[in-house]
Structure formats: structure tokens, C-alpha cells
């Protein structure tokens, strides 16, 4: 489930409360840092992913736990 640089992603604000997708965004995986460290605590992770988003534009940084949880809850969906 490790993200790949260049992967296209769609972010849903809240797919249950916002099924119309009016607050959605499209992003691309800019960088994957292997053996990354969390930016919010001192836990170590297998990777940290940096995503460039269209709206803004801005980027976001997610440790392995945050990213995988977002994928499992369909907050972030990989676009094929």
C-alpha cells in the first residue's frame, strides 16, 4: 500500500457527510520519504508521503499511519 511518486489521488472532505464532493481536491504524490519520522510526535514510520494538492495550491505531509488510515476510510482515493 506504499504510495508511489506521481500517483494521482482524489481527496474527499468527508465521503459520508459530503457525497456530492463539493469540497474535494485532486493531488499527486510529490515525494515518499523512506524511514520517515512523524512531524507531530517522535514515532518512526516506514515512510512519509508528501502530496501536492490542486486547490490552494498547497502540499500536505502524512506519516504512514495517517496516509493508510485515509486510504482505508476512502478519504483519499488512488485514481487509476
PDB file of N, CA and C in Angstrom:
ATOM      1  N   UNK A   1       0.822  -1.202   0.000  1.00  0.00           N
ATOM      2  CA  UNK A   1       0.000   0.000   0.000  1.00  0.00           C
ATOM      3  C   UNK A   1       0.865   1.266   0.000  1.00  0.00           C
ATOM      4  N   UNK A   2       2.177   1.098  -0.107  1.00  0.00           N
ATOM      5  CA  UNK A   2       3.051   2.261  -0.111  1.00  0.00           C
ATOM      6  C   UNK A   2       2.787   3.108  -1.360  1.00  0.00           C
ATOM      7  N   UNK A   3       2.615   4.415  -1.203  1.00  0.00           N
ATOM      8  CA  UNK A   3       2.355   5.279  -2.358  1.00  0.00           C
ATOM      9  C   UNK A   3       3.579   5.380  -3.267  1.00  0.00           C
ATOM     10  N   UNK A   4       3.334   5.751  -4.521  1.00  0.00           N
ATOM     11  CA  UNK A   4       4.402   5.914  -5.499  1.00  0.00           C
ATOM     12  C   UNK A   4       4.425   7.354  -5.989  1.00  0.00           C
ATOM     13  N   UNK A   5       5.612   7.895  -6.199  1.00  0.00           N
ATOM     14  CA  UNK A   5       5.751   9.248  -6.733  1.00  0.00           C
ATOM     15  C   UNK A   5       5.030   9.315  -8.074  1.00  0.00           C
ATOM     16  N   UNK A   6       4.237  10.350  -8.258  1.00  0.00           N
ATOM     17  CA  UNK A   6       3.490  10.544  -9.494  1.00  0.00           C
ATOM     18  C   UNK A   6       2.085   9.984  -9.451  1.00  0.00           C
ATOM     19  N   UNK A   7       1.738   9.259  -8.386  1.00  0.00           N
ATOM     20  CA  UNK A   7       0.399   8.680  -8.265  1.00  0.00           C
ATOM     21  C   UNK A   7      -0.640   9.792  -8.111  1.00  0.00           C
ATOM     22  N   UNK A   8      -1.727   9.685  -8.855  1.00  0.00           N
ATOM     23  CA  UNK A   8      -2.804  10.661  -8.804  1.00  0.00           C
ATOM     24  C   UNK A   8      -3.787  10.269  -7.706  1.00  0.00           C
ATOM     25  N   UNK A   9      -4.180  11.239  -6.880  1.00  0.00           N
ATOM     26  CA  UNK A   9      -5.060  10.988  -5.744  1.00  0.00           C
ATOM     27  C   UNK A   9      -6.258  11.927  -5.779  1.00  0.00           C
ATOM     28  N   UNK A  10      -7.362  11.459  -5.225  1.00  0.00           N
ATOM     29  CA  UNK A  10      -8.535  12.318  -5.024  1.00  0.00           C
ATOM     30  C   UNK A  10      -8.822  12.324  -3.538  1.00  0.00           C
ATOM     31  N   UNK A  11      -9.012  13.526  -2.992  1.00  0.00           N
ATOM     32  CA  UNK A  11      -9.315  13.694  -1.574  1.00  0.00           C
ATOM     33  C   UNK A  11     -10.775  14.102  -1.426  1.00  0.00           C
ATOM     34  N   UNK A  12     -11.480  13.407  -0.550  1.00  0.00           N
ATOM     35  CA  UNK A  12     -12.876  13.707  -0.266  1.00  0.00           C
ATOM     36  C   UNK A  12     -12.960  14.298   1.127  1.00  0.00           C
ATOM     37  N   UNK A  13     -13.575  15.472   1.240  1.00  0.00           N
ATOM     38  CA  UNK A  13     -13.696  16.163   2.523  1.00  0.00           C
ATOM     39  C   UNK A  13     -14.264  15.235   3.577  1.00  0.00           C
ATOM     40  N   UNK A  14     -15.388  14.616   3.286  1.00  0.00           N
ATOM     41  CA  UNK A  14     -15.990  13.599   4.146  1.00  0.00           C
ATOM     42  C   UNK A  14     -16.977  12.852   3.273  1.00  0.00           C
ATOM     43  N   UNK A  15     -16.603  11.654   2.782  1.00  0.00           N
ATOM     44  CA  UNK A  15     -17.458  10.959   1.820  1.00  0.00           C
ATOM     45  C   UNK A  15     -18.839  10.606   2.343  1.00  0.00           C
ATOM     46  N   UNK A  16     -19.005  10.520   3.653  1.00  0.00           N
ATOM     47  CA  UNK A  16     -20.324  10.196   4.209  1.00  0.00           C
ATOM     48  C   UNK A  16     -21.178  11.451   4.312  1.00  0.00           C
ATOM     49  N   UNK A  17     -20.606  12.522   4.856  1.00  0.00           N
ATOM     50  CA  UNK A  17     -21.364  13.760   5.040  1.00  0.00           C
ATOM     51  C   UNK A  17     -21.395  14.619   3.783  1.00  0.00           C
ATOM     52  N   UNK A  18     -20.485  14.379   2.857  1.00  0.00           N
ATOM     53  CA  UNK A  18     -20.376  15.205   1.667  1.00  0.00           C
ATOM     54  C   UNK A  18     -20.316  14.326   0.413  1.00  0.00           C
ATOM     55  N   UNK A  19     -21.373  13.556   0.118  1.00  0.00           N
ATOM     56  CA  UNK A  19     -21.327  12.622  -1.025  1.00  0.00           C
ATOM     57  C   UNK A  19     -21.264  13.319  -2.379  1.00  0.00           C
ATOM     58  N   UNK A  20     -21.659  14.580  -2.447  1.00  0.00           N
ATOM     59  CA  UNK A  20     -21.621  15.305  -3.721  1.00  0.00           C
ATOM     60  C   UNK A  20     -20.200  15.714  -4.096  1.00  0.00           C
ATOM     61  N   UNK A  21     -19.287  15.734  -3.126  1.00  0.00           N
ATOM     62  CA  UNK A  21     -17.889  16.034  -3.412  1.00  0.00           C
ATOM     63  C   UNK A  21     -17.587  17.489  -3.668  1.00  0.00           C
ATOM     64  N   UNK A  22     -18.392  18.391  -3.121  1.00  0.00           N
ATOM     65  CA  UNK A  22     -18.159  19.806  -3.408  1.00  0.00           C
ATOM     66  C   UNK A  22     -16.891  20.353  -2.770  1.00  0.00           C
ATOM     67  N   UNK A  23     -16.347  19.695  -1.758  1.00  0.00           N
ATOM     68  CA  UNK A  23     -15.114  20.155  -1.135  1.00  0.00           C
ATOM     69  C   UNK A  23     -13.961  19.189  -1.408  1.00  0.00           C
ATOM     70  N   UNK A  24     -13.961  18.571  -2.568  1.00  0.00           N
ATOM     71  CA  UNK A  24     -12.943  17.588  -2.917  1.00  0.00           C
ATOM     72  C   UNK A  24     -11.749  18.270  -3.573  1.00  0.00           C
ATOM     73  N   UNK A  25     -10.664  17.520  -3.713  1.00  0.00           N
ATOM     74  CA  UNK A  25      -9.456  18.040  -4.331  1.00  0.00           C
ATOM     75  C   UNK A  25      -8.744  16.902  -5.048  1.00  0.00           C
ATOM     76  N   UNK A  26      -7.897  17.253  -5.987  1.00  0.00           N
ATOM     77  CA  UNK A  26      -7.065  16.295  -6.710  1.00  0.00           C
ATOM     78  C   UNK A  26      -5.616  16.599  -6.350  1.00  0.00           C
ATOM     79  N   UNK A  27      -4.836  15.544  -6.132  1.00  0.00           N
ATOM     80  CA  UNK A  27      -3.430  15.736  -5.787  1.00  0.00           C
ATOM     81  C   UNK A  27      -2.562  14.695  -6.454  1.00  0.00           C
ATOM     82  N   UNK A  28      -1.259  14.924  -6.365  1.00  0.00           N
ATOM     83  CA  UNK A  28      -0.277  13.998  -6.913  1.00  0.00           C
ATOM     84  C   UNK A  28       0.798  13.772  -5.856  1.00  0.00           C
ATOM     85  N   UNK A  29       1.245  12.528  -5.736  1.00  0.00           N
ATOM     86  CA  UNK A  29       2.289  12.208  -4.767  1.00  0.00           C
ATOM     87  C   UNK A  29       3.584  12.840  -5.261  1.00  0.00           C
ATOM     88  N   UNK A  30       4.095  13.777  -4.489  1.00  0.00           N
ATOM     89  CA  UNK A  30       5.296  14.519  -4.865  1.00  0.00           C
ATOM     90  C   UNK A  30       6.560  13.795  -4.403  1.00  0.00           C
ATOM     91  N   UNK A  31       6.498  13.215  -3.204  1.00  0.00           N
ATOM     92  CA  UNK A  31       7.690  12.596  -2.629  1.00  0.00           C
ATOM     93  C   UNK A  31       7.280  11.545  -1.607  1.00  0.00           C
ATOM     94  N   UNK A  32       8.053  10.471  -1.528  1.00  0.00           N
ATOM     95  CA  UNK A  32       7.879   9.458  -0.485  1.00  0.00           C
ATOM     96  C   UNK A  32       9.229   9.331   0.216  1.00  0.00           C
ATOM     97  N   UNK A  33       9.242   9.663   1.491  1.00  0.00           N
ATOM     98  CA  UNK A  33      10.470   9.583   2.280  1.00  0.00           C
ATOM     99  C   UNK A  33      10.467   8.257   3.036  1.00  0.00           C
ATOM    100  N   UNK A  34      11.401   7.388   2.694  1.00  0.00           N
ATOM    101  CA  UNK A  34      11.507   6.084   3.350  1.00  0.00           C
ATOM    102  C   UNK A  34      12.123   6.279   4.737  1.00  0.00           C
ATOM    103  N   UNK A  35      11.694   5.463   5.696  1.00  0.00           N
ATOM    104  CA  UNK A  35      12.151   5.584   7.095  1.00  0.00           C
ATOM    105  C   UNK A  35      11.913   6.988   7.614  1.00  0.00           C
ATOM    106  N   UNK A  36      10.722   7.517   7.346  1.00  0.00           N
ATOM    107  CA  UNK A  36      10.374   8.868   7.754  1.00  0.00           C
ATOM    108  C   UNK A  36      10.071   8.956   9.234  1.00  0.00           C
ATOM    109  N   UNK A  37      10.105  10.161   9.745  1.00  0.00           N
ATOM    110  CA  UNK A  37       9.732  10.421  11.123  1.00  0.00           C
ATOM    111  C   UNK A  37       8.478  11.271  11.117  1.00  0.00           C
ATOM    112  N   UNK A  38       7.606  11.014  12.059  1.00  0.00           N
ATOM    113  CA  UNK A  38       6.379  11.785  12.152  1.00  0.00           C
ATOM    114  C   UNK A  38       6.717  13.234  12.467  1.00  0.00           C
ATOM    115  N   UNK A  39       5.963  14.145  11.896  1.00  0.00           N
ATOM    116  CA  UNK A  39       6.179  15.563  12.155  1.00  0.00           C
ATOM    117  C   UNK A  39       5.450  16.006  13.416  1.00  0.00           C
ATOM    118  N   UNK A  40       4.590  15.152  13.954  1.00  0.00           N
ATOM    119  CA  UNK A  40       3.758  15.545  15.083  1.00  0.00           C
ATOM    120  C   UNK A  40       4.170  14.869  16.385  1.00  0.00           C
ATOM    121  N   UNK A  41       4.964  13.806  16.306  1.00  0.00           N
ATOM    122  CA  UNK A  41       5.483  13.163  17.502  1.00  0.00           C
ATOM    123  C   UNK A  41       6.803  12.498  17.132  1.00  0.00           C
ATOM    124  N   UNK A  42       7.384  11.735  18.012  1.00  0.00           N
ATOM    125  CA  UNK A  42       8.699  11.153  17.754  1.00  0.00           C
ATOM    126  C   UNK A  42       8.642   9.705  17.274  1.00  0.00           C
ATOM    127  N   UNK A  43       7.474   9.232  16.861  1.00  0.00           N
ATOM    128  CA  UNK A  43       7.360   7.871  16.348  1.00  0.00           C
ATOM    129  C   UNK A  43       8.025   7.764  14.984  1.00  0.00           C
ATOM    130  N   UNK A  44       8.558   6.590  14.698  1.00  0.00           N
ATOM    131  CA  UNK A  44       9.159   6.354  13.393  1.00  0.00           C
ATOM    132  C   UNK A  44       8.206   5.527  12.539  1.00  0.00           C
ATOM    133  N   UNK A  45       8.233   5.764  11.241  1.00  0.00           N
ATOM    134  CA  UNK A  45       7.347   5.095  10.303  1.00  0.00           C
ATOM    135  C   UNK A  45       8.163   4.586   9.126  1.00  0.00           C
ATOM    136  N   UNK A  46       7.592   3.641   8.394  1.00  0.00           N
ATOM    137  CA  UNK A  46       8.271   3.106   7.213  1.00  0.00           C
ATOM    138  C   UNK A  46       8.403   4.180   6.133  1.00  0.00           C
ATOM    139  N   UNK A  47       7.438   5.113   6.095  1.00  0.00           N
ATOM    140  CA  UNK A  47       7.518   6.182   5.093  1.00  0.00           C
ATOM    141  C   UNK A  47       6.682   7.392   5.526  1.00  0.00           C
ATOM    142  N   UNK A  48       6.995   8.508   4.905  1.00  0.00           N
ATOM    143  CA  UNK A  48       6.206   9.733   4.993  1.00  0.00           C
ATOM    144  C   UNK A  48       5.932  10.154   3.554  1.00  0.00           C
ATOM    145  N   UNK A  49       4.685  10.513   3.252  1.00  0.00           N
ATOM    146  CA  UNK A  49       4.314  10.880   1.887  1.00  0.00           C
ATOM    147  C   UNK A  49       3.972  12.374   1.841  1.00  0.00           C
ATOM    148  N   UNK A  50       4.461  13.043   0.805  1.00  0.00           N
ATOM    149  CA  UNK A  50       4.173  14.464   0.583  1.00  0.00           C
ATOM    150  C   UNK A  50       3.341  14.560  -0.689  1.00  0.00           C
ATOM    151  N   UNK A  51       2.177  15.210  -0.572  1.00  0.00           N
ATOM    152  CA  UNK A  51       1.220  15.291  -1.669  1.00  0.00           C
ATOM    153  C   UNK A  51       1.012  16.752  -2.055  1.00  0.00           C
ATOM    154  N   UNK A  52       1.114  17.056  -3.348  1.00  0.00           N
ATOM    155  CA  UNK A  52       0.774  18.379  -3.879  1.00  0.00           C
ATOM    156  C   UNK A  52      -0.701  18.367  -4.255  1.00  0.00           C
ATOM    157  N   UNK A  53      -1.463  19.310  -3.723  1.00  0.00           N
ATOM    158  CA  UNK A  53      -2.899  19.404  -3.997  1.00  0.00           C
ATOM    159  C   UNK A  53      -3.176  20.580  -4.919  1.00  0.00           C
ATOM    160  N   UNK A  54      -4.217  20.458  -5.745  1.00  0.00           N
ATOM    161  CA  UNK A  54      -4.564  21.489  -6.732  1.00  0.00           C
ATOM    162  C   UNK A  54      -5.159  22.732  -6.084  1.00  0.00           C
ATOM    163  N   UNK A  55      -6.102  22.532  -5.166  1.00  0.00           N
ATOM    164  CA  UNK A  55      -6.754  23.697  -4.561  1.00  0.00           C
ATOM    165  C   UNK A  55      -5.770  24.358  -3.617  1.00  0.00           C
ATOM    166  N   UNK A  56      -5.566  25.579  -3.794  1.00  0.00           N
ATOM    167  CA  UNK A  56      -4.604  26.290  -2.931  1.00  0.00           C
ATOM    168  C   UNK A  56      -3.611  27.071  -3.758  1.00  0.00           C
ATOM    169  N   UNK A  57      -2.665  26.502  -4.449  1.00  0.00           N
ATOM    170  CA  UNK A  57      -2.167  25.127  -4.302  1.00  0.00           C
ATOM    171  C   UNK A  57      -1.368  24.985  -3.003  1.00  0.00           C
ATOM    172  N   UNK A  58      -1.290  23.801  -2.502  1.00  0.00           N
ATOM    173  CA  UNK A  58      -0.541  23.555  -1.274  1.00  0.00           C
ATOM    174  C   UNK A  58      -0.110  22.095  -1.247  1.00  0.00           C
ATOM    175  N   UNK A  59       0.723  21.745  -0.283  1.00  0.00           N
ATOM    176  CA  UNK A  59       1.087  20.342  -0.120  1.00  0.00           C
ATOM    177  C   UNK A  59       0.779  19.912   1.304  1.00  0.00           C
ATOM    178  N   UNK A  60       0.667  18.604   1.483  1.00  0.00           N
ATOM    179  CA  UNK A  60       0.426  18.058   2.811  1.00  0.00           C
ATOM    180  C   UNK A  60       1.402  16.915   3.058  1.00  0.00           C
ATOM    181  N   UNK A  61       1.733  16.701   4.309  1.00  0.00           N
ATOM    182  CA  UNK A  61       2.659  15.641   4.702  1.00  0.00           C
ATOM    183  C   UNK A  61       1.908  14.667   5.592  1.00  0.00           C
ATOM    184  N   UNK A  62       2.001  13.382   5.267  1.00  0.00           N
ATOM    185  CA  UNK A  62       1.286  12.346   6.012  1.00  0.00           C
ATOM    186  C   UNK A  62       2.264  11.252   6.400  1.00  0.00           C
ATOM    187  N   UNK A  63       2.276  10.878   7.681  1.00  0.00           N
ATOM    188  CA  UNK A  63       3.083   9.717   8.033  1.00  0.00           C
ATOM    189  C   UNK A  63       2.340   8.466   7.595  1.00  0.00           C
ATOM    190  N   UNK A  64       2.997   7.342   7.681  1.00  0.00           N
ATOM    191  CA  UNK A  64       2.437   6.078   7.200  1.00  0.00           C
ATOM    192  C   UNK A  64       1.063   5.801   7.803  1.00  0.00           C
ATOM    193  N   UNK A  65       0.921   5.979   9.095  1.00  0.00           N
ATOM    194  CA  UNK A  65      -0.357   5.692   9.763  1.00  0.00           C
ATOM    195  C   UNK A  65      -1.477   6.592   9.234  1.00  0.00           C
ATOM    196  N   UNK A  66      -1.225   7.891   9.134  1.00  0.00           N
ATOM    197  CA  UNK A  66      -2.245   8.834   8.653  1.00  0.00           C
ATOM    198  C   UNK A  66      -2.658   8.524   7.219  1.00  0.00           C
ATOM    199  N   UNK A  67      -1.663   8.262   6.367  1.00  0.00           N
ATOM    200  CA  UNK A  67      -1.951   8.009   4.960  1.00  0.00           C
ATOM    201  C   UNK A  67      -2.780   6.733   4.795  1.00  0.00           C
ATOM    202  N   UNK A  68      -2.344   5.649   5.436  1.00  0.00           N
ATOM    203  CA  UNK A  68      -3.053   4.378   5.290  1.00  0.00           C
ATOM    204  C   UNK A  68      -4.458   4.439   5.877  1.00  0.00           C
ATOM    205  N   UNK A  69      -4.632   5.186   6.963  1.00  0.00           N
ATOM    206  CA  UNK A  69      -5.974   5.357   7.533  1.00  0.00           C
ATOM    207  C   UNK A  69      -6.867   6.126   6.576  1.00  0.00           C
ATOM    208  N   UNK A  70      -6.328   7.167   5.933  1.00  0.00           N
ATOM    209  CA  UNK A  70      -7.100   7.944   4.964  1.00  0.00           C
ATOM    210  C   UNK A  70      -7.496   7.099   3.760  1.00  0.00           C
ATOM    211  N   UNK A  71      -6.621   6.191   3.326  1.00  0.00           N
ATOM    212  CA  UNK A  71      -6.926   5.292   2.209  1.00  0.00           C
ATOM    213  C   UNK A  71      -8.032   4.315   2.621  1.00  0.00           C
ATOM    214  N   UNK A  72      -7.925   3.746   3.829  1.00  0.00           N
ATOM    215  CA  UNK A  72      -8.903   2.754   4.292  1.00  0.00           C
ATOM    216  C   UNK A  72     -10.289   3.354   4.484  1.00  0.00           C
ATOM    217  N   UNK A  73     -10.369   4.624   4.875  1.00  0.00           N
ATOM    218  CA  UNK A  73     -11.668   5.264   5.095  1.00  0.00           C
ATOM    219  C   UNK A  73     -12.188   5.951   3.832  1.00  0.00           C
ATOM    220  N   UNK A  74     -11.452   5.833   2.724  1.00  0.00           N
ATOM    221  CA  UNK A  74     -11.809   6.453   1.440  1.00  0.00           C
ATOM    222  C   UNK A  74     -11.810   7.970   1.488  1.00  0.00           C
ATOM    223  N   UNK A  75     -11.098   8.546   2.439  1.00  0.00           N
ATOM    224  CA  UNK A  75     -10.908   9.999   2.434  1.00  0.00           C
ATOM    225  C   UNK A  75      -9.952  10.377   1.292  1.00  0.00           C
ATOM    226  N   UNK A  76      -8.930   9.530   1.093  1.00  0.00           N
ATOM    227  CA  UNK A  76      -8.033   9.664  -0.050  1.00  0.00           C
ATOM    228  C   UNK A  76      -8.193   8.414  -0.899  1.00  0.00           C
ATOM    229  N   UNK A  77      -8.428   8.609  -2.211  1.00  0.00           N
ATOM    230  CA  UNK A  77      -8.624   7.501  -3.133  1.00  0.00           C
ATOM    231  C   UNK A  77      -7.586   7.612  -4.243  1.00  0.00           C
ATOM    232  N   UNK A  78      -6.921   6.485  -4.533  1.00  0.00           N
ATOM    233  CA  UNK A  78      -5.967   6.453  -5.632  1.00  0.00           C
ATOM    234  C   UNK A  78      -6.750   6.399  -6.936  1.00  0.00           C
ATOM    235  N   UNK A  79      -6.441   7.319  -7.857  1.00  0.00           N
ATOM    236  CA  UNK A  79      -7.115   7.370  -9.156  1.00  0.00           C
ATOM    237  C   UNK A  79      -6.332   6.485 -10.122  1.00  0.00           C
ATOM    238  N   UNK A  80      -6.993   5.526 -10.737  1.00  0.00           N
ATOM    239  CA  UNK A  80      -6.321   4.605 -11.669  1.00  0.00           C
ATOM    240  C   UNK A  80      -6.279   5.180 -13.057  1.00  0.00           C
TER     241      UNK A  80
END
